[in-house]
PDB file of N, CA and C in Angstrom:
ATOM      1  N   MET A   1       2.036  24.774   4.477  1.00  0.00           N
ATOM      2  CA  MET A   1       1.780  23.620   3.755  1.00  0.00           C
ATOM      3  C   MET A   1       1.732  22.135   4.319  1.00  0.00           C
ATOM      4  N   ASP A   2       1.113  21.044   4.071  1.00  0.00           N
ATOM      5  CA  ASP A   2       0.827  19.945   4.541  1.00  0.00           C
ATOM      6  C   ASP A   2       1.261  18.746   3.964  1.00  0.00           C
ATOM      7  N   LEU A   3       1.135  17.679   4.685  1.00  0.00           N
ATOM      8  CA  LEU A   3       1.728  16.332   3.976  1.00  0.00           C
ATOM      9  C   LEU A   3       1.194  15.823   2.672  1.00  0.00           C
ATOM     10  N   PHE A   4       0.045  16.335   2.605  1.00  0.00           N
ATOM     11  CA  PHE A   4      -0.483  15.888   1.682  1.00  0.00           C
ATOM     12  C   PHE A   4       0.211  16.226  -0.211  1.00  0.00           C
ATOM     13  N   LEU A   5       0.790  17.545   0.227  1.00  0.00           N
ATOM     14  CA  LEU A   5       1.256  18.086  -0.713  1.00  0.00           C
ATOM     15  C   LEU A   5       2.906  17.919  -0.841  1.00  0.00           C
ATOM     16  N   LEU A   6       3.292  17.652   0.230  1.00  0.00           N
ATOM     17  CA  LEU A   6       4.967  16.963   0.424  1.00  0.00           C
ATOM     18  C   LEU A   6       4.848  15.793   0.498  1.00  0.00           C
ATOM     19  N   GLY A   7       3.806  14.662   0.758  1.00  0.00           N
ATOM     20  CA  GLY A   7       4.032  13.285   0.365  1.00  0.00           C
ATOM     21  C   GLY A   7       3.244  12.468  -0.398  1.00  0.00           C
ATOM     22  N   CYS A   8       1.817  12.993  -0.537  1.00  0.00           N
ATOM     23  CA  CYS A   8       1.156  12.386  -1.849  1.00  0.00           C
ATOM     24  C   CYS A   8       1.077  12.857  -3.048  1.00  0.00           C
ATOM     25  N   ILE A   9       1.453  13.976  -3.361  1.00  0.00           N
ATOM     26  CA  ILE A   9       1.699  14.263  -4.616  1.00  0.00           C
ATOM     27  C   ILE A   9       3.355  13.969  -5.071  1.00  0.00           C
ATOM     28  N   PRO A  10       4.288  13.888  -4.600  1.00  0.00           N
ATOM     29  CA  PRO A  10       5.806  12.934  -4.722  1.00  0.00           C
ATOM     30  C   PRO A  10       5.486  11.723  -4.972  1.00  0.00           C
ATOM     31  N   ALA A  11       4.718  11.122  -4.149  1.00  0.00           N
ATOM     32  CA  ALA A  11       4.331   9.606  -4.325  1.00  0.00           C
ATOM     33  C   ALA A  11       3.708   9.440  -5.570  1.00  0.00           C
ATOM     34  N   ARG A  12       2.870   9.987  -5.655  1.00  0.00           N
ATOM     35  CA  ARG A  12       2.142   9.925  -7.142  1.00  0.00           C
ATOM     36  C   ARG A  12       2.514  10.180  -8.298  1.00  0.00           C
ATOM     37  N   ALA A  13       3.214  11.205  -8.142  1.00  0.00           N
ATOM     38  CA  ALA A  13       4.390  11.434  -9.311  1.00  0.00           C
ATOM     39  C   ALA A  13       5.118  10.496  -9.914  1.00  0.00           C
ATOM     40  N   ILE A  14       5.830   9.689  -8.626  1.00  0.00           N
ATOM     41  CA  ILE A  14       6.789   8.392  -9.143  1.00  0.00           C
ATOM     42  C   ILE A  14       5.917   7.643  -9.501  1.00  0.00           C
ATOM     43  N   ILE A  15       4.683   6.886  -8.879  1.00  0.00           N
ATOM     44  CA  ILE A  15       4.068   5.856  -9.388  1.00  0.00           C
ATOM     45  C   ILE A  15       3.484   6.466 -10.621  1.00  0.00           C
ATOM     46  N   ALA A  16       3.150   7.408 -11.433  1.00  0.00           N
ATOM     47  CA  ALA A  16       3.148   7.869 -12.738  1.00  0.00           C
ATOM     48  C   ALA A  16       3.774   7.699 -13.768  1.00  0.00           C
ATOM     49  N   VAL A  17       5.225   7.574 -13.518  1.00  0.00           N
ATOM     50  CA  VAL A  17       6.455   7.314 -14.350  1.00  0.00           C
ATOM     51  C   VAL A  17       6.730   5.828 -14.065  1.00  0.00           C
ATOM     52  N   LEU A  18       6.728   5.406 -13.234  1.00  0.00           N
ATOM     53  CA  LEU A  18       7.193   3.966 -13.262  1.00  0.00           C
ATOM     54  C   LEU A  18       6.663   3.047 -14.344  1.00  0.00           C
ATOM     55  N   PRO A  19       5.780   2.958 -14.904  1.00  0.00           N
ATOM     56  CA  PRO A  19       5.609   2.370 -15.678  1.00  0.00           C
ATOM     57  C   PRO A  19       6.078   2.758 -17.022  1.00  0.00           C
ATOM     58  N   VAL A  20       6.646   3.505 -17.482  1.00  0.00           N
ATOM     59  CA  VAL A  20       7.365   3.830 -18.775  1.00  0.00           C
ATOM     60  C   VAL A  20       9.113   2.819 -18.668  1.00  0.00           C
ATOM     61  N   TYR A  21       9.378   2.975 -17.249  1.00  0.00           N
ATOM     62  CA  TYR A  21      10.491   2.303 -16.978  1.00  0.00           C
ATOM     63  C   TYR A  21      10.940   0.419 -16.448  1.00  0.00           C
ATOM     64  N   LEU A  22       9.303   0.035 -16.306  1.00  0.00           N
ATOM     65  CA  LEU A  22       9.514  -1.316 -15.985  1.00  0.00           C
ATOM     66  C   LEU A  22       9.726  -2.064 -16.813  1.00  0.00           C
ATOM     67  N   GLU A  23      10.260  -3.529 -16.873  1.00  0.00           N
ATOM     68  CA  GLU A  23      10.594  -4.185 -17.685  1.00  0.00           C
ATOM     69  C   GLU A  23       8.736  -5.174 -17.826  1.00  0.00           C
ATOM     70  N   PRO A  24       8.264  -5.896 -19.001  1.00  0.00           N
ATOM     71  CA  PRO A  24       6.943  -6.017 -18.757  1.00  0.00           C
ATOM     72  C   PRO A  24       6.735  -7.293 -17.368  1.00  0.00           C
ATOM     73  N   VAL A  25       7.495  -7.731 -16.939  1.00  0.00           N
ATOM     74  CA  VAL A  25       7.237  -8.926 -16.062  1.00  0.00           C
ATOM     75  C   VAL A  25       6.872  -7.827 -14.909  1.00  0.00           C
ATOM     76  N   TYR A  26       7.439  -6.906 -15.025  1.00  0.00           N
ATOM     77  CA  TYR A  26       7.502  -6.222 -13.305  1.00  0.00           C
ATOM     78  C   TYR A  26       6.275  -5.328 -13.679  1.00  0.00           C
ATOM     79  N   LEU A  27       6.018  -4.946 -14.788  1.00  0.00           N
ATOM     80  CA  LEU A  27       5.079  -4.251 -14.975  1.00  0.00           C
ATOM     81  C   LEU A  27       3.777  -4.800 -14.540  1.00  0.00           C
ATOM     82  N   GLN A  28       3.710  -6.200 -14.608  1.00  0.00           N
ATOM     83  CA  GLN A  28       2.357  -6.861 -14.412  1.00  0.00           C
ATOM     84  C   GLN A  28       2.395  -6.728 -12.923  1.00  0.00           C
ATOM     85  N   LEU A  29       3.480  -7.091 -12.083  1.00  0.00           N
ATOM     86  CA  LEU A  29       3.572  -7.112 -10.877  1.00  0.00           C
ATOM     87  C   LEU A  29       3.388  -5.589 -10.085  1.00  0.00           C
ATOM     88  N   PHE A  30       3.860  -4.471 -10.838  1.00  0.00           N
ATOM     89  CA  PHE A  30       3.407  -3.344 -10.424  1.00  0.00           C
ATOM     90  C   PHE A  30       1.649  -3.043 -10.873  1.00  0.00           C
ATOM     91  N   SER A  31       1.214  -4.006 -11.456  1.00  0.00           N
ATOM     92  CA  SER A  31      -0.104  -3.781 -11.704  1.00  0.00           C
ATOM     93  C   SER A  31      -0.935  -4.311 -10.480  1.00  0.00           C
ATOM     94  N   LEU A  32      -0.600  -5.064  -9.645  1.00  0.00           N
ATOM     95  CA  LEU A  32      -0.984  -5.892  -8.517  1.00  0.00           C
ATOM     96  C   LEU A  32      -0.771  -4.300  -7.367  1.00  0.00           C
ATOM     97  N   VAL A  33       0.125  -3.857  -7.296  1.00  0.00           N
ATOM     98  CA  VAL A  33       0.147  -2.445  -6.380  1.00  0.00           C
ATOM     99  C   VAL A  33      -1.112  -1.405  -6.928  1.00  0.00           C
ATOM    100  N   LEU A  34      -0.702  -1.161  -8.142  1.00  0.00           N
ATOM    101  CA  LEU A  34      -2.274  -0.278  -8.606  1.00  0.00           C
ATOM    102  C   LEU A  34      -3.761  -0.599  -8.001  1.00  0.00           C
ATOM    103  N   PHE A  35      -3.820  -2.084  -8.360  1.00  0.00           N
ATOM    104  CA  PHE A  35      -5.307  -2.512  -7.831  1.00  0.00           C
ATOM    105  C   PHE A  35      -5.094  -2.663  -6.511  1.00  0.00           C
ATOM    106  N   ALA A  36      -4.137  -2.629  -5.234  1.00  0.00           N
ATOM    107  CA  ALA A  36      -4.289  -2.577  -4.326  1.00  0.00           C
ATOM    108  C   ALA A  36      -4.795  -1.106  -3.719  1.00  0.00           C
ATOM    109  N   ILE A  37      -3.975  -0.222  -4.640  1.00  0.00           N
ATOM    110  CA  ILE A  37      -4.422   1.348  -4.165  1.00  0.00           C
ATOM    111  C   ILE A  37      -5.749   1.197  -4.751  1.00  0.00           C
ATOM    112  N   SER A  38      -5.794   1.061  -5.772  1.00  0.00           N
ATOM    113  CA  SER A  38      -7.257   1.177  -6.315  1.00  0.00           C
ATOM    114  C   SER A  38      -8.361   0.852  -5.561  1.00  0.00           C
ATOM    115  N   PHE A  39      -8.444  -0.308  -5.069  1.00  0.00           N
ATOM    116  CA  PHE A  39      -9.551  -0.967  -3.907  1.00  0.00           C
ATOM    117  C   PHE A  39      -9.838  -0.328  -2.819  1.00  0.00           C
ATOM    118  N   SER A  40      -8.190   0.112  -2.133  1.00  0.00           N
ATOM    119  CA  SER A  40      -8.260   0.849  -1.051  1.00  0.00           C
ATOM    120  C   SER A  40      -8.860   2.297  -1.237  1.00  0.00           C
ATOM    121  N   PHE A  41      -8.558   2.877  -2.310  1.00  0.00           N
ATOM    122  CA  PHE A  41      -9.789   4.262  -2.536  1.00  0.00           C
ATOM    123  C   PHE A  41     -11.400   4.060  -2.622  1.00  0.00           C
ATOM    124  N   LEU A  42     -11.176   2.807  -3.614  1.00  0.00           N
ATOM    125  CA  LEU A  42     -13.001   2.421  -3.561  1.00  0.00           C
ATOM    126  C   LEU A  42     -13.466   2.153  -2.362  1.00  0.00           C
ATOM    127  N   PHE A  43     -12.776   1.465  -1.309  1.00  0.00           N
ATOM    128  CA  PHE A  43     -12.859   0.942   0.007  1.00  0.00           C
ATOM    129  C   PHE A  43     -13.569   2.361   0.927  1.00  0.00           C
ATOM    130  N   LEU A  44     -12.623   2.984   1.349  1.00  0.00           N
ATOM    131  CA  LEU A  44     -12.915   4.197   1.915  1.00  0.00           C
ATOM    132  C   LEU A  44     -13.748   5.009   1.182  1.00  0.00           C
ATOM    133  N   TYR A  45     -13.915   5.461  -0.042  1.00  0.00           N
ATOM    134  CA  TYR A  45     -15.099   5.737  -0.723  1.00  0.00           C
ATOM    135  C   TYR A  45     -16.547   5.271   0.021  1.00  0.00           C
ATOM    136  N   PHE A  46     -16.811   4.146  -0.461  1.00  0.00           N
ATOM    137  CA  PHE A  46     -18.154   3.708  -0.151  1.00  0.00           C
ATOM    138  C   PHE A  46     -18.066   3.192   1.110  1.00  0.00           C
ATOM    139  N   THR A  47     -17.354   3.172   2.060  1.00  0.00           N
ATOM    140  CA  THR A  47     -17.529   3.120   3.689  1.00  0.00           C
ATOM    141  C   THR A  47     -17.329   4.287   4.348  1.00  0.00           C
ATOM    142  N   GLY A  48     -17.441   5.312   3.499  1.00  0.00           N
ATOM    143  CA  GLY A  48     -16.779   6.719   4.279  1.00  0.00           C
ATOM    144  C   GLY A  48     -15.672   6.618   5.344  1.00  0.00           C
ATOM    145  N   SER A  49     -14.600   5.874   5.225  1.00  0.00           N
ATOM    146  CA  SER A  49     -13.700   5.250   6.321  1.00  0.00           C
ATOM    147  C   SER A  49     -13.031   6.448   6.327  1.00  0.00           C
ATOM    148  N   ARG A  50     -11.955   6.697   7.451  1.00  0.00           N
ATOM    149  CA  ARG A  50     -10.718   7.649   7.115  1.00  0.00           C
ATOM    150  C   ARG A  50     -10.914   8.803   7.164  1.00  0.00           C
ATOM    151  N   MET A  51     -12.224   9.225   7.891  1.00  0.00           N
ATOM    152  CA  MET A  51     -12.259  10.877   7.454  1.00  0.00           C
ATOM    153  C   MET A  51     -11.312  12.258   7.835  1.00  0.00           C
ATOM    154  N   LYS A  52     -10.148  11.404   9.304  1.00  0.00           N
ATOM    155  CA  LYS A  52      -9.826  12.583   9.659  1.00  0.00           C
ATOM    156  C   LYS A  52      -8.299  11.998   9.205  1.00  0.00           C
ATOM    157  N   ALA A  53      -7.476  12.684   8.608  1.00  0.00           N
ATOM    158  CA  ALA A  53      -6.375  12.469   7.709  1.00  0.00           C
ATOM    159  C   ALA A  53      -5.155  13.345   8.428  1.00  0.00           C
ATOM    160  N   PHE A  54      -4.072  12.408   9.099  1.00  0.00           N
ATOM    161  CA  PHE A  54      -3.049  13.190   9.761  1.00  0.00           C
ATOM    162  C   PHE A  54      -1.915  13.764   8.792  1.00  0.00           C
ATOM    163  N   GLU A  55      -2.261  13.671   7.554  1.00  0.00           N
ATOM    164  CA  GLU A  55      -1.662  14.185   6.351  1.00  0.00           C
ATOM    165  C   GLU A  55      -1.896  15.985   5.992  1.00  0.00           C
ATOM    166  N   SER A  56      -3.012  15.943   6.432  1.00  0.00           N
ATOM    167  CA  SER A  56      -3.777  17.347   6.105  1.00  0.00           C
ATOM    168  C   SER A  56      -3.782  18.318   7.589  1.00  0.00           C
ATOM    169  N   SER A  57      -3.398  19.546   6.489  1.00  0.00           N
ATOM    170  CA  SER A  57      -3.256  20.448   7.761  1.00  0.00           C
ATOM    171  C   SER A  57      -4.195  21.045   9.016  1.00  0.00           C
ATOM    172  N   THR A  58      -5.629  20.509   7.937  1.00  0.00           N
ATOM    173  CA  THR A  58      -7.014  20.649   8.986  1.00  0.00           C
ATOM    174  C   THR A  58      -6.969  19.500   9.740  1.00  0.00           C
ATOM    175  N   GLY A  59      -6.829  18.722   9.669  1.00  0.00           N
ATOM    176  CA  GLY A  59      -6.947  17.386   9.841  1.00  0.00           C
ATOM    177  C   GLY A  59      -8.182  16.350   9.762  1.00  0.00           C
ATOM    178  N   PHE A  60      -8.774  17.324   8.162  1.00  0.00           N
ATOM    179  CA  PHE A  60      -9.990  16.575   7.879  1.00  0.00           C
ATOM    180  C   PHE A  60      -9.706  16.249   6.433  1.00  0.00           C
ATOM    181  N   THR A  61     -10.333  15.074   5.919  1.00  0.00           N
ATOM    182  CA  THR A  61     -10.194  14.424   4.715  1.00  0.00           C
ATOM    183  C   THR A  61     -11.018  15.013   3.375  1.00  0.00           C
ATOM    184  N   TRP A  62     -10.392  16.305   3.036  1.00  0.00           N
ATOM    185  CA  TRP A  62     -10.757  17.083   2.028  1.00  0.00           C
ATOM    186  C   TRP A  62     -11.625  16.767   0.871  1.00  0.00           C
ATOM    187  N   TRP A  63     -10.378  15.379   0.455  1.00  0.00           N
ATOM    188  CA  TRP A  63     -10.217  15.033  -0.738  1.00  0.00           C
ATOM    189  C   TRP A  63     -11.498  13.552  -1.063  1.00  0.00           C
ATOM    190  N   ALA A  64     -12.109  13.631  -0.095  1.00  0.00           N
ATOM    191  CA  ALA A  64     -12.925  11.964   0.541  1.00  0.00           C
ATOM    192  C   ALA A  64     -13.608  11.716  -0.703  1.00  0.00           C
ATOM    193  N   ASP A  65     -14.687  12.979  -1.188  1.00  0.00           N
ATOM    194  CA  ASP A  65     -15.409  12.901  -2.330  1.00  0.00           C
ATOM    195  C   ASP A  65     -14.684  12.544  -3.773  1.00  0.00           C
ATOM    196  N   TYR A  66     -13.529  12.455  -3.689  1.00  0.00           N
ATOM    197  CA  TYR A  66     -12.683  12.643  -4.945  1.00  0.00           C
ATOM    198  C   TYR A  66     -11.778  10.933  -5.159  1.00  0.00           C
ATOM    199  N   ARG A  67     -12.270  10.336  -4.138  1.00  0.00           N
ATOM    200  CA  ARG A  67     -11.580   9.175  -3.848  1.00  0.00           C
ATOM    201  C   ARG A  67     -12.549   8.019  -4.939  1.00  0.00           C
ATOM    202  N   LEU A  68     -13.762   8.047  -5.393  1.00  0.00           N
ATOM    203  CA  LEU A  68     -14.300   7.564  -6.108  1.00  0.00           C
ATOM    204  C   LEU A  68     -13.422   7.550  -7.484  1.00  0.00           C
ATOM    205  N   ILE A  69     -12.906   8.841  -7.944  1.00  0.00           N
ATOM    206  CA  ILE A  69     -12.573   9.233  -9.064  1.00  0.00           C
ATOM    207  C   ILE A  69     -11.219   8.834  -9.130  1.00  0.00           C
ATOM    208  N   HIS A  70     -10.371   8.326  -7.787  1.00  0.00           N
ATOM    209  CA  HIS A  70      -8.823   8.480  -7.415  1.00  0.00           C
ATOM    210  C   HIS A  70      -8.930   6.572  -8.064  1.00  0.00           C
ATOM    211  N   GLY A  71      -9.761   6.015  -7.163  1.00  0.00           N
ATOM    212  CA  GLY A  71     -10.216   4.682  -7.960  1.00  0.00           C
ATOM    213  C   GLY A  71     -10.100   4.045  -8.830  1.00  0.00           C
ATOM    214  N   LEU A  72     -11.033   4.421  -9.765  1.00  0.00           N
ATOM    215  CA  LEU A  72     -11.007   4.189 -11.148  1.00  0.00           C
ATOM    216  C   LEU A  72     -10.322   4.704 -11.975  1.00  0.00           C
ATOM    217  N   LEU A  73      -9.637   5.717 -11.725  1.00  0.00           N
ATOM    218  CA  LEU A  73      -8.305   6.285 -12.537  1.00  0.00           C
ATOM    219  C   LEU A  73      -7.307   4.800 -11.808  1.00  0.00           C
ATOM    220  N   TYR A  74      -6.894   4.740 -10.881  1.00  0.00           N
ATOM    221  CA  TYR A  74      -5.912   3.790 -10.247  1.00  0.00           C
ATOM    222  C   TYR A  74      -6.196   2.069 -10.827  1.00  0.00           C
ATOM    223  N   LEU A  75      -7.336   1.892 -11.039  1.00  0.00           N
ATOM    224  CA  LEU A  75      -8.266   0.510 -11.416  1.00  0.00           C
ATOM    225  C   LEU A  75      -7.536   0.376 -13.114  1.00  0.00           C
ATOM    226  N   SER A  76      -8.263   1.513 -13.927  1.00  0.00           N
ATOM    227  CA  SER A  76      -7.623   1.589 -15.206  1.00  0.00           C
ATOM    228  C   SER A  76      -6.409   1.666 -15.477  1.00  0.00           C
ATOM    229  N   ALA A  77      -5.654   2.241 -14.816  1.00  0.00           N
ATOM    230  CA  ALA A  77      -3.940   1.986 -14.774  1.00  0.00           C
ATOM    231  C   ALA A  77      -3.575   0.353 -14.714  1.00  0.00           C
ATOM    232  N   GLY A  78      -4.426   0.055 -13.678  1.00  0.00           N
ATOM    233  CA  GLY A  78      -3.789  -1.542 -13.140  1.00  0.00           C
ATOM    234  C   GLY A  78      -3.866  -2.468 -14.395  1.00  0.00           C
ATOM    235  N   ILE A  79      -5.196  -2.238 -15.153  1.00  0.00           N
ATOM    236  CA  ILE A  79      -5.855  -3.045 -16.087  1.00  0.00           C
ATOM    237  C   ILE A  79      -4.196  -2.991 -17.214  1.00  0.00           C
ATOM    238  N   TYR A  80      -4.084  -1.609 -17.297  1.00  0.00           N
ATOM    239  CA  TYR A  80      -3.185  -1.449 -18.307  1.00  0.00           C
ATOM    240  C   TYR A  80      -1.823  -2.279 -18.078  1.00  0.00           C
ATOM    241  N   ALA A  81      -1.752  -1.788 -16.843  1.00  0.00           N
ATOM    242  CA  ALA A  81      -0.198  -2.337 -16.461  1.00  0.00           C
ATOM    243  C   ALA A  81      -0.070  -3.822 -16.247  1.00  0.00           C
ATOM    244  N   TYR A  82      -1.525  -4.468 -16.377  1.00  0.00           N
ATOM    245  CA  TYR A  82      -1.722  -6.016 -16.419  1.00  0.00           C
ATOM    246  C   TYR A  82      -1.477  -6.499 -17.606  1.00  0.00           C
ATOM    247  N   GLN A  83      -1.865  -5.335 -18.144  1.00  0.00           N
ATOM    248  CA  GLN A  83      -1.746  -6.417 -19.883  1.00  0.00           C
ATOM    249  C   GLN A  83      -0.348  -5.360 -20.743  1.00  0.00           C
ATOM    250  N   GLN A  84       0.481  -5.043 -19.896  1.00  0.00           N
ATOM    251  CA  GLN A  84       1.705  -4.738 -20.181  1.00  0.00           C
ATOM    252  C   GLN A  84       1.743  -3.461 -21.117  1.00  0.00           C
ATOM    253  N   LYS A  85       0.905  -2.903 -20.865  1.00  0.00           N
ATOM    254  CA  LYS A  85       0.603  -1.410 -22.022  1.00  0.00           C
ATOM    255  C   LYS A  85       1.228  -0.177 -20.709  1.00  0.00           C
ATOM    256  N   GLY A  86       2.524  -0.209 -20.693  1.00  0.00           N
ATOM    257  CA  GLY A  86       2.826   0.480 -19.451  1.00  0.00           C
ATOM    258  C   GLY A  86       2.786   2.465 -20.234  1.00  0.00           C
ATOM    259  N   ASP A  87       2.803   2.226 -21.607  1.00  0.00           N
ATOM    260  CA  ASP A  87       2.558   3.424 -22.263  1.00  0.00           C
ATOM    261  C   ASP A  87       1.196   4.326 -22.058  1.00  0.00           C
ATOM    262  N   LEU A  88       0.286   3.044 -21.996  1.00  0.00           N
ATOM    263  CA  LEU A  88      -1.231   3.400 -21.656  1.00  0.00           C
ATOM    264  C   LEU A  88      -1.052   3.665 -20.195  1.00  0.00           C
ATOM    265  N   ALA A  89      -0.535   2.771 -19.230  1.00  0.00           N
ATOM    266  CA  ALA A  89      -0.806   2.561 -17.857  1.00  0.00           C
ATOM    267  C   ALA A  89      -0.356   4.245 -17.196  1.00  0.00           C
ATOM    268  N   ILE A  90       0.477   5.096 -18.217  1.00  0.00           N
ATOM    269  CA  ILE A  90       0.966   6.279 -17.503  1.00  0.00           C
ATOM    270  C   ILE A  90      -0.509   7.415 -17.562  1.00  0.00           C
ATOM    271  N   THR A  91      -1.490   7.110 -18.827  1.00  0.00           N
ATOM    272  CA  THR A  91      -2.477   8.455 -19.179  1.00  0.00           C
ATOM    273  C   THR A  91      -3.420   8.555 -17.448  1.00  0.00           C
ATOM    274  N   PRO A  92      -3.608   7.599 -17.203  1.00  0.00           N
ATOM    275  CA  PRO A  92      -4.690   7.885 -15.872  1.00  0.00           C
ATOM    276  C   PRO A  92      -3.803   8.128 -14.815  1.00  0.00           C
ATOM    277  N   LEU A  93      -3.044   7.360 -14.400  1.00  0.00           N
ATOM    278  CA  LEU A  93      -1.874   8.076 -13.463  1.00  0.00           C
ATOM    279  C   LEU A  93      -1.374   9.550 -13.274  1.00  0.00           C
ATOM    280  N   ALA A  94      -1.050   9.882 -14.706  1.00  0.00           N
ATOM    281  CA  ALA A  94      -0.856  11.065 -14.977  1.00  0.00           C
ATOM    282  C   ALA A  94      -2.338  12.307 -14.516  1.00  0.00           C
ATOM    283  N   VAL A  95      -3.451  12.107 -14.817  1.00  0.00           N
ATOM    284  CA  VAL A  95      -4.733  12.459 -14.748  1.00  0.00           C
ATOM    285  C   VAL A  95      -4.742  12.598 -13.161  1.00  0.00           C
ATOM    286  N   ASP A  96      -4.777  11.338 -12.696  1.00  0.00           N
ATOM    287  CA  ASP A  96      -4.524  11.546 -11.252  1.00  0.00           C
ATOM    288  C   ASP A  96      -3.889  12.073 -10.558  1.00  0.00           C
ATOM    289  N   LEU A  97      -2.658  12.616 -10.828  1.00  0.00           N
ATOM    290  CA  LEU A  97      -1.282  13.015 -10.689  1.00  0.00           C
ATOM    291  C   LEU A  97      -1.955  14.869 -10.398  1.00  0.00           C
ATOM    292  N   LEU A  98      -1.959  15.195 -11.754  1.00  0.00           N
ATOM    293  CA  LEU A  98      -2.851  16.459 -12.071  1.00  0.00           C
ATOM    294  C   LEU A  98      -4.139  16.947 -11.214  1.00  0.00           C
ATOM    295  N   LEU A  99      -4.767  16.100 -11.134  1.00  0.00           N
ATOM    296  CA  LEU A  99      -6.454  16.269 -10.566  1.00  0.00           C
ATOM    297  C   LEU A  99      -6.091  16.652  -9.302  1.00  0.00           C
ATOM    298  N   GLY A 100      -4.931  15.477  -8.389  1.00  0.00           N
ATOM    299  CA  GLY A 100      -4.632  15.693  -7.225  1.00  0.00           C
ATOM    300  C   GLY A 100      -3.857  17.283  -6.705  1.00  0.00           C
ATOM    301  N   ILE A 101      -3.538  17.885  -7.832  1.00  0.00           N
ATOM    302  CA  ILE A 101      -2.657  18.804  -7.872  1.00  0.00           C
ATOM    303  C   ILE A 101      -3.667  20.136  -7.600  1.00  0.00           C
ATOM    304  N   PHE A 102      -4.583  19.887  -9.255  1.00  0.00           N
ATOM    305  CA  PHE A 102      -5.790  20.893  -8.772  1.00  0.00           C
ATOM    306  C   PHE A 102      -6.481  20.678  -7.939  1.00  0.00           C
ATOM    307  N   LEU A 103      -7.220  19.842  -7.358  1.00  0.00           N
ATOM    308  CA  LEU A 103      -7.747  20.202  -6.077  1.00  0.00           C
ATOM    309  C   LEU A 103      -7.258  20.083  -5.155  1.00  0.00           C
ATOM    310  N   TRP A 104      -6.129  20.482  -4.840  1.00  0.00           N
ATOM    311  CA  TRP A 104      -5.169  20.789  -3.839  1.00  0.00           C
ATOM    312  C   TRP A 104      -5.385  22.153  -3.627  1.00  0.00           C
ATOM    313  N   LEU A 105      -5.039  22.775  -4.897  1.00  0.00           N
ATOM    314  CA  LEU A 105      -5.060  24.208  -5.295  1.00  0.00           C
ATOM    315  C   LEU A 105      -6.401  25.086  -4.909  1.00  0.00           C
ATOM    316  N   MET A 106      -7.588  24.243  -5.647  1.00  0.00           N
ATOM    317  CA  MET A 106      -8.779  24.789  -5.353  1.00  0.00           C
ATOM    318  C   MET A 106      -9.317  24.933  -3.595  1.00  0.00           C
ATOM    319  N   LYS A 107      -8.578  23.832  -3.274  1.00  0.00           N
ATOM    320  CA  LYS A 107      -9.510  23.505  -1.677  1.00  0.00           C
ATOM    321  C   LYS A 107      -9.710  24.764  -0.751  1.00  0.00           C
TER     322      LYS A 107
END
């Protein structure tokens, strides 16, 4: 079992449920975190950076091809959070979490 399953998936689960519990002012601040995560996924995707991941049991970043999808999901969640629509921000984050689990199972 690798750190992706033990670290990334639980972290994404926490991120996915946070919008429900945050007050509107904190939801807008949380949107900045979501935008930062989104832009880092998109940067890594478009530059092809960080292809050797310590958190993977193989050392290879097998999820690199999916960073575009992850980045866009986090971007949409960030937009919803900025608009103080926490109930809508959960959807792309939950999709991202489920996609991550599915892709890990399929790898």
